Amino acid sequence: MDNEAASTHHFEQRIKELKEFLEKHYASKVDLLEFREDVAVQFGKVHVEIAQVHVTIAKMETRMAKWLIATVIAMVGATFAIVRYFH
């Protein structure tokens, strides 16, 4: 009987050590949900930043297209002026 008590005590001690190990090294569901929420917030911030970059690129494309059109019009005007001068 004394052997059973020692075995039971050892078993309980081992369970206690295992619980402490799990609490120290593994996350609980609450910890995982908090982490998931933090990750979702960070992904939201990343998506906002990406959207801002897309807007900036679109503005730059528009500005470049306007510049290109203005340059082409100026070159055509200069070409006609030169042709008219020499003609």
PDB file of N, CA and C in Angstrom:
ATOM      1  N   MET A   1       0.816  -1.190   0.000  1.00  0.00           N
ATOM      2  CA  MET A   1       0.000   0.000   0.000  1.00  0.00           C
ATOM      3  C   MET A   1       0.864   1.261   0.000  1.00  0.00           C
ATOM      4  N   ASP A   2       1.961   1.192   0.702  1.00  0.00           N
ATOM      5  CA  ASP A   2       2.866   2.331   0.766  1.00  0.00           C
ATOM      6  C   ASP A   2       3.457   2.608  -0.613  1.00  0.00           C
ATOM      7  N   ASN A   3       3.658   1.554  -1.392  1.00  0.00           N
ATOM      8  CA  ASN A   3       4.181   1.689  -2.747  1.00  0.00           C
ATOM      9  C   ASN A   3       3.169   2.412  -3.642  1.00  0.00           C
ATOM     10  N   GLU A   4       1.877   2.114  -3.433  1.00  0.00           N
ATOM     11  CA  GLU A   4       0.832   2.790  -4.206  1.00  0.00           C
ATOM     12  C   GLU A   4       0.763   4.270  -3.858  1.00  0.00           C
ATOM     13  N   ALA A   5       0.921   4.617  -2.614  1.00  0.00           N
ATOM     14  CA  ALA A   5       0.895   6.020  -2.192  1.00  0.00           C
ATOM     15  C   ALA A   5       2.070   6.776  -2.791  1.00  0.00           C
ATOM     16  N   ALA A   6       3.231   6.144  -2.811  1.00  0.00           N
ATOM     17  CA  ALA A   6       4.415   6.775  -3.388  1.00  0.00           C
ATOM     18  C   ALA A   6       4.221   6.948  -4.895  1.00  0.00           C
ATOM     19  N   SER A   7       3.637   5.946  -5.510  1.00  0.00           N
ATOM     20  CA  SER A   7       3.390   6.010  -6.948  1.00  0.00           C
ATOM     21  C   SER A   7       2.382   7.108  -7.264  1.00  0.00           C
ATOM     22  N   THR A   8       1.310   7.202  -6.459  1.00  0.00           N
ATOM     23  CA  THR A   8       0.299   8.235  -6.644  1.00  0.00           C
ATOM     24  C   THR A   8       0.903   9.618  -6.423  1.00  0.00           C
ATOM     25  N   HIS A   9       1.736   9.755  -5.403  1.00  0.00           N
ATOM     26  CA  HIS A   9       2.382  11.039  -5.120  1.00  0.00           C
ATOM     27  C   HIS A   9       3.295  11.435  -6.289  1.00  0.00           C
ATOM     28  N   HIS A  10       4.050  10.458  -6.784  1.00  0.00           N
ATOM     29  CA  HIS A  10       4.934  10.728  -7.922  1.00  0.00           C
ATOM     30  C   HIS A  10       4.108  11.140  -9.146  1.00  0.00           C
ATOM     31  N   PHE A  11       3.005  10.452  -9.382  1.00  0.00           N
ATOM     32  CA  PHE A  11       2.119  10.766 -10.500  1.00  0.00           C
ATOM     33  C   PHE A  11       1.557  12.177 -10.377  1.00  0.00           C
ATOM     34  N   GLU A  12       1.085  12.541  -9.168  1.00  0.00           N
ATOM     35  CA  GLU A  12       0.545  13.887  -8.938  1.00  0.00           C
ATOM     36  C   GLU A  12       1.624  14.943  -9.111  1.00  0.00           C
ATOM     37  N   GLN A  13       2.829  14.650  -8.647  1.00  0.00           N
ATOM     38  CA  GLN A  13       3.943  15.585  -8.799  1.00  0.00           C
ATOM     39  C   GLN A  13       4.272  15.781 -10.277  1.00  0.00           C
ATOM     40  N   ARG A  14       4.257  14.697 -11.006  1.00  0.00           N
ATOM     41  CA  ARG A  14       4.553  14.767 -12.441  1.00  0.00           C
ATOM     42  C   ARG A  14       3.484  15.571 -13.188  1.00  0.00           C
ATOM     43  N   ILE A  15       2.214  15.394 -12.814  1.00  0.00           N
ATOM     44  CA  ILE A  15       1.127  16.173 -13.425  1.00  0.00           C
ATOM     45  C   ILE A  15       1.300  17.653 -13.107  1.00  0.00           C
ATOM     46  N   LYS A  16       1.679  17.961 -11.871  1.00  0.00           N
ATOM     47  CA  LYS A  16       1.901  19.347 -11.473  1.00  0.00           C
ATOM     48  C   LYS A  16       3.038  19.953 -12.289  1.00  0.00           C
ATOM     49  N   GLU A  17       4.123  19.225 -12.479  1.00  0.00           N
ATOM     50  CA  GLU A  17       5.248  19.715 -13.278  1.00  0.00           C
ATOM     51  C   GLU A  17       4.831  19.930 -14.731  1.00  0.00           C
ATOM     52  N   LEU A  18       4.031  19.008 -15.241  1.00  0.00           N
ATOM     53  CA  LEU A  18       3.559  19.128 -16.619  1.00  0.00           C
ATOM     54  C   LEU A  18       2.664  20.357 -16.794  1.00  0.00           C
ATOM     55  N   LYS A  19       1.777  20.603 -15.831  1.00  0.00           N
ATOM     56  CA  LYS A  19       0.917  21.791 -15.895  1.00  0.00           C
ATOM     57  C   LYS A  19       1.747  23.065 -15.861  1.00  0.00           C
ATOM     58  N   GLU A  20       2.748  23.095 -14.982  1.00  0.00           N
ATOM     59  CA  GLU A  20       3.615  24.278 -14.909  1.00  0.00           C
ATOM     60  C   GLU A  20       4.363  24.489 -16.217  1.00  0.00           C
ATOM     61  N   PHE A  21       4.848  23.397 -16.801  1.00  0.00           N
ATOM     62  CA  PHE A  21       5.553  23.484 -18.073  1.00  0.00           C
ATOM     63  C   PHE A  21       4.635  24.027 -19.163  1.00  0.00           C
ATOM     64  N   LEU A  22       3.421  23.503 -19.226  1.00  0.00           N
ATOM     65  CA  LEU A  22       2.462  23.944 -20.238  1.00  0.00           C
ATOM     66  C   LEU A  22       2.102  25.412 -20.055  1.00  0.00           C
ATOM     67  N   GLU A  23       1.895  25.837 -18.804  1.00  0.00           N
ATOM     68  CA  GLU A  23       1.559  27.244 -18.544  1.00  0.00           C
ATOM     69  C   GLU A  23       2.710  28.156 -18.924  1.00  0.00           C
ATOM     70  N   LYS A  24       3.934  27.680 -18.750  1.00  0.00           N
ATOM     71  CA  LYS A  24       5.105  28.507 -19.028  1.00  0.00           C
ATOM     72  C   LYS A  24       5.417  28.575 -20.518  1.00  0.00           C
ATOM     73  N   HIS A  25       5.249  27.471 -21.248  1.00  0.00           N
ATOM     74  CA  HIS A  25       5.731  27.399 -22.619  1.00  0.00           C
ATOM     75  C   HIS A  25       4.648  27.398 -23.693  1.00  0.00           C
ATOM     76  N   TYR A  26       3.413  27.214 -23.347  1.00  0.00           N
ATOM     77  CA  TYR A  26       2.357  27.147 -24.359  1.00  0.00           C
ATOM     78  C   TYR A  26       1.322  28.240 -24.117  1.00  0.00           C
ATOM     79  N   ALA A  27       0.720  28.699 -25.212  1.00  0.00           N
ATOM     80  CA  ALA A  27      -0.270  29.770 -25.127  1.00  0.00           C
ATOM     81  C   ALA A  27      -1.660  29.194 -24.857  1.00  0.00           C
ATOM     82  N   SER A  28      -2.432  29.969 -24.140  1.00  0.00           N
ATOM     83  CA  SER A  28      -3.819  29.571 -23.896  1.00  0.00           C
ATOM     84  C   SER A  28      -4.680  30.071 -25.056  1.00  0.00           C
ATOM     85  N   LYS A  29      -5.939  29.695 -25.057  1.00  0.00           N
ATOM     86  CA  LYS A  29      -6.850  30.168 -26.109  1.00  0.00           C
ATOM     87  C   LYS A  29      -6.985  31.678 -26.053  1.00  0.00           C
ATOM     88  N   VAL A  30      -7.012  32.230 -24.847  1.00  0.00           N
ATOM     89  CA  VAL A  30      -7.119  33.689 -24.701  1.00  0.00           C
ATOM     90  C   VAL A  30      -5.887  34.356 -25.302  1.00  0.00           C
ATOM     91  N   ASP A  31      -4.705  33.801 -25.028  1.00  0.00           N
ATOM     92  CA  ASP A  31      -3.477  34.354 -25.598  1.00  0.00           C
ATOM     93  C   ASP A  31      -3.516  34.299 -27.119  1.00  0.00           C
ATOM     94  N   LEU A  32      -3.983  33.178 -27.647  1.00  0.00           N
ATOM     95  CA  LEU A  32      -4.055  33.038 -29.099  1.00  0.00           C
ATOM     96  C   LEU A  32      -5.060  34.005 -29.710  1.00  0.00           C
ATOM     97  N   LEU A  33      -6.187  34.209 -29.038  1.00  0.00           N
ATOM     98  CA  LEU A  33      -7.181  35.162 -29.554  1.00  0.00           C
ATOM     99  C   LEU A  33      -6.644  36.586 -29.521  1.00  0.00           C
ATOM    100  N   GLU A  34      -5.909  36.943 -28.465  1.00  0.00           N
ATOM    101  CA  GLU A  34      -5.303  38.274 -28.400  1.00  0.00           C
ATOM    102  C   GLU A  34      -4.273  38.447 -29.515  1.00  0.00           C
ATOM    103  N   PHE A  35      -3.462  37.401 -29.719  1.00  0.00           N
ATOM    104  CA  PHE A  35      -2.473  37.453 -30.787  1.00  0.00           C
ATOM    105  C   PHE A  35      -3.149  37.585 -32.148  1.00  0.00           C
ATOM    106  N   ARG A  36      -4.211  36.824 -32.338  1.00  0.00           N
ATOM    107  CA  ARG A  36      -4.946  36.876 -33.604  1.00  0.00           C
ATOM    108  C   ARG A  36      -5.503  38.277 -33.840  1.00  0.00           C
ATOM    109  N   GLU A  37      -6.017  38.892 -32.792  1.00  0.00           N
ATOM    110  CA  GLU A  37      -6.550  40.252 -32.914  1.00  0.00           C
ATOM    111  C   GLU A  37      -5.441  41.231 -33.283  1.00  0.00           C
ATOM    112  N   ASP A  38      -4.282  41.099 -32.619  1.00  0.00           N
ATOM    113  CA  ASP A  38      -3.153  41.974 -32.928  1.00  0.00           C
ATOM    114  C   ASP A  38      -2.702  41.807 -34.378  1.00  0.00           C
ATOM    115  N   VAL A  39      -2.660  40.577 -34.828  1.00  0.00           N
ATOM    116  CA  VAL A  39      -2.259  40.317 -36.213  1.00  0.00           C
ATOM    117  C   VAL A  39      -3.272  40.914 -37.180  1.00  0.00           C
ATOM    118  N   ALA A  40      -4.548  40.785 -36.866  1.00  0.00           N
ATOM    119  CA  ALA A  40      -5.586  41.353 -37.729  1.00  0.00           C
ATOM    120  C   ALA A  40      -5.443  42.868 -37.817  1.00  0.00           C
ATOM    121  N   VAL A  41      -5.154  43.509 -36.686  1.00  0.00           N
ATOM    122  CA  VAL A  41      -4.962  44.965 -36.688  1.00  0.00           C
ATOM    123  C   VAL A  41      -3.756  45.335 -37.545  1.00  0.00           C
ATOM    124  N   GLN A  42      -2.662  44.579 -37.405  1.00  0.00           N
ATOM    125  CA  GLN A  42      -1.469  44.868 -38.195  1.00  0.00           C
ATOM    126  C   GLN A  42      -1.733  44.663 -39.682  1.00  0.00           C
ATOM    127  N   PHE A  43      -2.463  43.599 -40.031  1.00  0.00           N
ATOM    128  CA  PHE A  43      -2.800  43.389 -41.442  1.00  0.00           C
ATOM    129  C   PHE A  43      -3.676  44.525 -41.954  1.00  0.00           C
ATOM    130  N   GLY A  44      -4.573  45.024 -41.119  1.00  0.00           N
ATOM    131  CA  GLY A  44      -5.396  46.164 -41.513  1.00  0.00           C
ATOM    132  C   GLY A  44      -4.542  47.379 -41.809  1.00  0.00           C
ATOM    133  N   LYS A  45      -3.551  47.613 -40.962  1.00  0.00           N
ATOM    134  CA  LYS A  45      -2.642  48.744 -41.184  1.00  0.00           C
ATOM    135  C   LYS A  45      -1.847  48.556 -42.467  1.00  0.00           C
ATOM    136  N   VAL A  46      -1.429  47.337 -42.729  1.00  0.00           N
ATOM    137  CA  VAL A  46      -0.677  47.059 -43.956  1.00  0.00           C
ATOM    138  C   VAL A  46      -1.561  47.305 -45.180  1.00  0.00           C
ATOM    139  N   HIS A  47      -2.818  46.866 -45.107  1.00  0.00           N
ATOM    140  CA  HIS A  47      -3.727  47.089 -46.235  1.00  0.00           C
ATOM    141  C   HIS A  47      -3.953  48.583 -46.471  1.00  0.00           C
ATOM    142  N   VAL A  48      -4.042  49.365 -45.409  1.00  0.00           N
ATOM    143  CA  VAL A  48      -4.202  50.821 -45.560  1.00  0.00           C
ATOM    144  C   VAL A  48      -2.972  51.417 -46.231  1.00  0.00           C
ATOM    145  N   GLU A  49      -1.789  50.983 -45.790  1.00  0.00           N
ATOM    146  CA  GLU A  49      -0.556  51.492 -46.390  1.00  0.00           C
ATOM    147  C   GLU A  49      -0.481  51.123 -47.874  1.00  0.00           C
ATOM    148  N   ILE A  50      -0.853  49.907 -48.200  1.00  0.00           N
ATOM    149  CA  ILE A  50      -0.839  49.480 -49.606  1.00  0.00           C
ATOM    150  C   ILE A  50      -1.819  50.314 -50.422  1.00  0.00           C
ATOM    151  N   ALA A  51      -2.984  50.586 -49.871  1.00  0.00           N
ATOM    152  CA  ALA A  51      -3.966  51.417 -50.576  1.00  0.00           C
ATOM    153  C   ALA A  51      -3.422  52.819 -50.803  1.00  0.00           C
ATOM    154  N   GLN A  52      -2.725  53.357 -49.816  1.00  0.00           N
ATOM    155  CA  GLN A  52      -2.136  54.692 -49.970  1.00  0.00           C
ATOM    156  C   GLN A  52      -1.068  54.690 -51.066  1.00  0.00           C
ATOM    157  N   VAL A  53      -0.298  53.628 -51.140  1.00  0.00           N
ATOM    158  CA  VAL A  53       0.715  53.525 -52.196  1.00  0.00           C
ATOM    159  C   VAL A  53       0.038  53.469 -53.561  1.00  0.00           C
ATOM    160  N   HIS A  54      -1.060  52.713 -53.648  1.00  0.00           N
ATOM    161  CA  HIS A  54      -1.786  52.634 -54.925  1.00  0.00           C
ATOM    162  C   HIS A  54      -2.311  54.012 -55.328  1.00  0.00           C
ATOM    163  N   VAL A  55      -2.811  54.771 -54.384  1.00  0.00           N
ATOM    164  CA  VAL A  55      -3.310  56.115 -54.685  1.00  0.00           C
ATOM    165  C   VAL A  55      -2.166  57.007 -55.164  1.00  0.00           C
ATOM    166  N   THR A  56      -1.032  56.923 -54.482  1.00  0.00           N
ATOM    167  CA  THR A  56       0.124  57.733 -54.874  1.00  0.00           C
ATOM    168  C   THR A  56       0.593  57.370 -56.277  1.00  0.00           C
ATOM    169  N   ILE A  57       0.626  56.088 -56.570  1.00  0.00           N
ATOM    170  CA  ILE A  57       1.042  55.650 -57.909  1.00  0.00           C
ATOM    171  C   ILE A  57       0.047  56.146 -58.957  1.00  0.00           C
ATOM    172  N   ALA A  58      -1.229  56.070 -58.657  1.00  0.00           N
ATOM    173  CA  ALA A  58      -2.240  56.548 -59.608  1.00  0.00           C
ATOM    174  C   ALA A  58      -2.083  58.044 -59.862  1.00  0.00           C
ATOM    175  N   LYS A  59      -1.806  58.813 -58.812  1.00  0.00           N
ATOM    176  CA  LYS A  59      -1.587  60.252 -58.987  1.00  0.00           C
ATOM    177  C   LYS A  59      -0.369  60.511 -59.862  1.00  0.00           C
ATOM    178  N   MET A  60       0.702  59.749 -59.623  1.00  0.00           N
ATOM    179  CA  MET A  60       1.917  59.933 -60.416  1.00  0.00           C
ATOM    180  C   MET A  60       1.675  59.555 -61.880  1.00  0.00           C
ATOM    181  N   GLU A  61       0.917  58.483 -62.112  1.00  0.00           N
ATOM    182  CA  GLU A  61       0.604  58.098 -63.492  1.00  0.00           C
ATOM    183  C   GLU A  61      -0.176  59.200 -64.199  1.00  0.00           C
ATOM    184  N   THR A  62      -1.144  59.776 -63.493  1.00  0.00           N
ATOM    185  CA  THR A  62      -1.940  60.860 -64.077  1.00  0.00           C
ATOM    186  C   THR A  62      -1.058  62.064 -64.395  1.00  0.00           C
ATOM    187  N   ARG A  63      -0.191  62.410 -63.449  1.00  0.00           N
ATOM    188  CA  ARG A  63       0.701  63.546 -63.652  1.00  0.00           C
ATOM    189  C   ARG A  63       1.634  63.294 -64.842  1.00  0.00           C
ATOM    190  N   MET A  64       2.160  62.086 -64.957  1.00  0.00           N
ATOM    191  CA  MET A  64       3.054  61.763 -66.070  1.00  0.00           C
ATOM    192  C   MET A  64       2.308  61.787 -67.404  1.00  0.00           C
ATOM    193  N   ALA A  65       1.071  61.302 -67.415  1.00  0.00           N
ATOM    194  CA  ALA A  65       0.280  61.319 -68.652  1.00  0.00           C
ATOM    195  C   ALA A  65       0.004  62.752 -69.074  1.00  0.00           C
ATOM    196  N   LYS A  66      -0.339  63.607 -68.121  1.00  0.00           N
ATOM    197  CA  LYS A  66      -0.576  65.018 -68.455  1.00  0.00           C
ATOM    198  C   LYS A  66       0.692  65.665 -68.986  1.00  0.00           C
ATOM    199  N   TRP A  67       1.829  65.358 -68.356  1.00  0.00           N
ATOM    200  CA  TRP A  67       3.098  65.923 -68.795  1.00  0.00           C
ATOM    201  C   TRP A  67       3.429  65.450 -70.203  1.00  0.00           C
ATOM    202  N   LEU A  68       3.187  64.169 -70.457  1.00  0.00           N
ATOM    203  CA  LEU A  68       3.477  63.620 -71.780  1.00  0.00           C
ATOM    204  C   LEU A  68       2.605  64.286 -72.845  1.00  0.00           C
ATOM    205  N   ILE A  69       1.333  64.440 -72.570  1.00  0.00           N
ATOM    206  CA  ILE A  69       0.418  65.086 -73.526  1.00  0.00           C
ATOM    207  C   ILE A  69       0.839  66.528 -73.773  1.00  0.00           C
ATOM    208  N   ALA A  70       1.174  67.243 -72.693  1.00  0.00           N
ATOM    209  CA  ALA A  70       1.603  68.644 -72.847  1.00  0.00           C
ATOM    210  C   ALA A  70       2.893  68.725 -73.654  1.00  0.00           C
ATOM    211  N   THR A  71       3.810  67.807 -73.426  1.00  0.00           N
ATOM    212  CA  THR A  71       5.071  67.802 -74.172  1.00  0.00           C
ATOM    213  C   THR A  71       4.829  67.510 -75.645  1.00  0.00           C
ATOM    214  N   VAL A  72       3.961  66.549 -75.936  1.00  0.00           N
ATOM    215  CA  VAL A  72       3.652  66.225 -77.334  1.00  0.00           C
ATOM    216  C   VAL A  72       3.008  67.425 -78.026  1.00  0.00           C
ATOM    217  N   ILE A  73       2.078  68.093 -77.349  1.00  0.00           N
ATOM    218  CA  ILE A  73       1.428  69.274 -77.941  1.00  0.00           C
ATOM    219  C   ILE A  73       2.453  70.375 -78.190  1.00  0.00           C
ATOM    220  N   ALA A  74       3.362  70.580 -77.222  1.00  0.00           N
ATOM    221  CA  ALA A  74       4.397  71.613 -77.394  1.00  0.00           C
ATOM    222  C   ALA A  74       5.325  71.267 -78.551  1.00  0.00           C
ATOM    223  N   MET A  75       5.692  69.998 -78.666  1.00  0.00           N
ATOM    224  CA  MET A  75       6.585  69.587 -79.763  1.00  0.00           C
ATOM    225  C   MET A  75       5.890  69.747 -81.117  1.00  0.00           C
ATOM    226  N   VAL A  76       4.620  69.387 -81.202  1.00  0.00           N
ATOM    227  CA  VAL A  76       3.871  69.546 -82.460  1.00  0.00           C
ATOM    228  C   VAL A  76       3.770  71.030 -82.801  1.00  0.00           C
ATOM    229  N   GLY A  77       3.480  71.853 -81.808  1.00  0.00           N
ATOM    230  CA  GLY A  77       3.404  73.306 -82.046  1.00  0.00           C
ATOM    231  C   GLY A  77       4.732  73.864 -82.511  1.00  0.00           C
ATOM    232  N   ALA A  78       5.828  73.421 -81.870  1.00  0.00           N
ATOM    233  CA  ALA A  78       7.152  73.904 -82.282  1.00  0.00           C
ATOM    234  C   ALA A  78       7.485  73.428 -83.686  1.00  0.00           C
ATOM    235  N   THR A  79       7.118  72.210 -83.996  1.00  0.00           N
ATOM    236  CA  THR A  79       7.372  71.673 -85.345  1.00  0.00           C
ATOM    237  C   THR A  79       6.628  72.473 -86.401  1.00  0.00           C
ATOM    238  N   PHE A  80       5.356  72.769 -86.165  1.00  0.00           N
ATOM    239  CA  PHE A  80       4.594  73.569 -87.124  1.00  0.00           C
ATOM    240  C   PHE A  80       5.159  74.982 -87.245  1.00  0.00           C
ATOM    241  N   ALA A  81       5.621  75.542 -86.143  1.00  0.00           N
ATOM    242  CA  ALA A  81       6.221  76.887 -86.205  1.00  0.00           C
ATOM    243  C   ALA A  81       7.478  76.877 -87.027  1.00  0.00           C
ATOM    244  N   ILE A  82       8.307  75.848 -86.848  1.00  0.00           N
ATOM    245  CA  ILE A  82       9.544  75.755 -87.643  1.00  0.00           C
ATOM    246  C   ILE A  82       9.232  75.543 -89.109  1.00  0.00           C
ATOM    247  N   VAL A  83       8.278  74.675 -89.402  1.00  0.00           N
ATOM    248  CA  VAL A  83       7.888  74.406 -90.804  1.00  0.00           C
ATOM    249  C   VAL A  83       7.354  75.680 -91.443  1.00  0.00           C
ATOM    250  N   ARG A  84       6.524  76.413 -90.721  1.00  0.00           N
ATOM    251  CA  ARG A  84       5.965  77.654 -91.255  1.00  0.00           C
ATOM    252  C   ARG A  84       7.058  78.709 -91.482  1.00  0.00           C
ATOM    253  N   TYR A  85       8.052  78.744 -90.614  1.00  0.00           N
ATOM    254  CA  TYR A  85       9.143  79.707 -90.736  1.00  0.00           C
ATOM    255  C   TYR A  85       9.982  79.431 -91.968  1.00  0.00           C
ATOM    256  N   PHE A  86      10.265  78.148 -92.228  1.00  0.00           N
ATOM    257  CA  PHE A  86      11.106  77.797 -93.353  1.00  0.00           C
ATOM    258  C   PHE A  86      10.320  77.647 -94.660  1.00  0.00           C
ATOM    259  N   HIS A  87       9.054  77.588 -94.595  1.00  0.00           N
ATOM    260  CA  HIS A  87       8.258  77.394 -95.810  1.00  0.00           C
ATOM    261  C   HIS A  87       7.991  78.645 -96.502  1.00  0.00           C
TER     262      HIS A  87
END
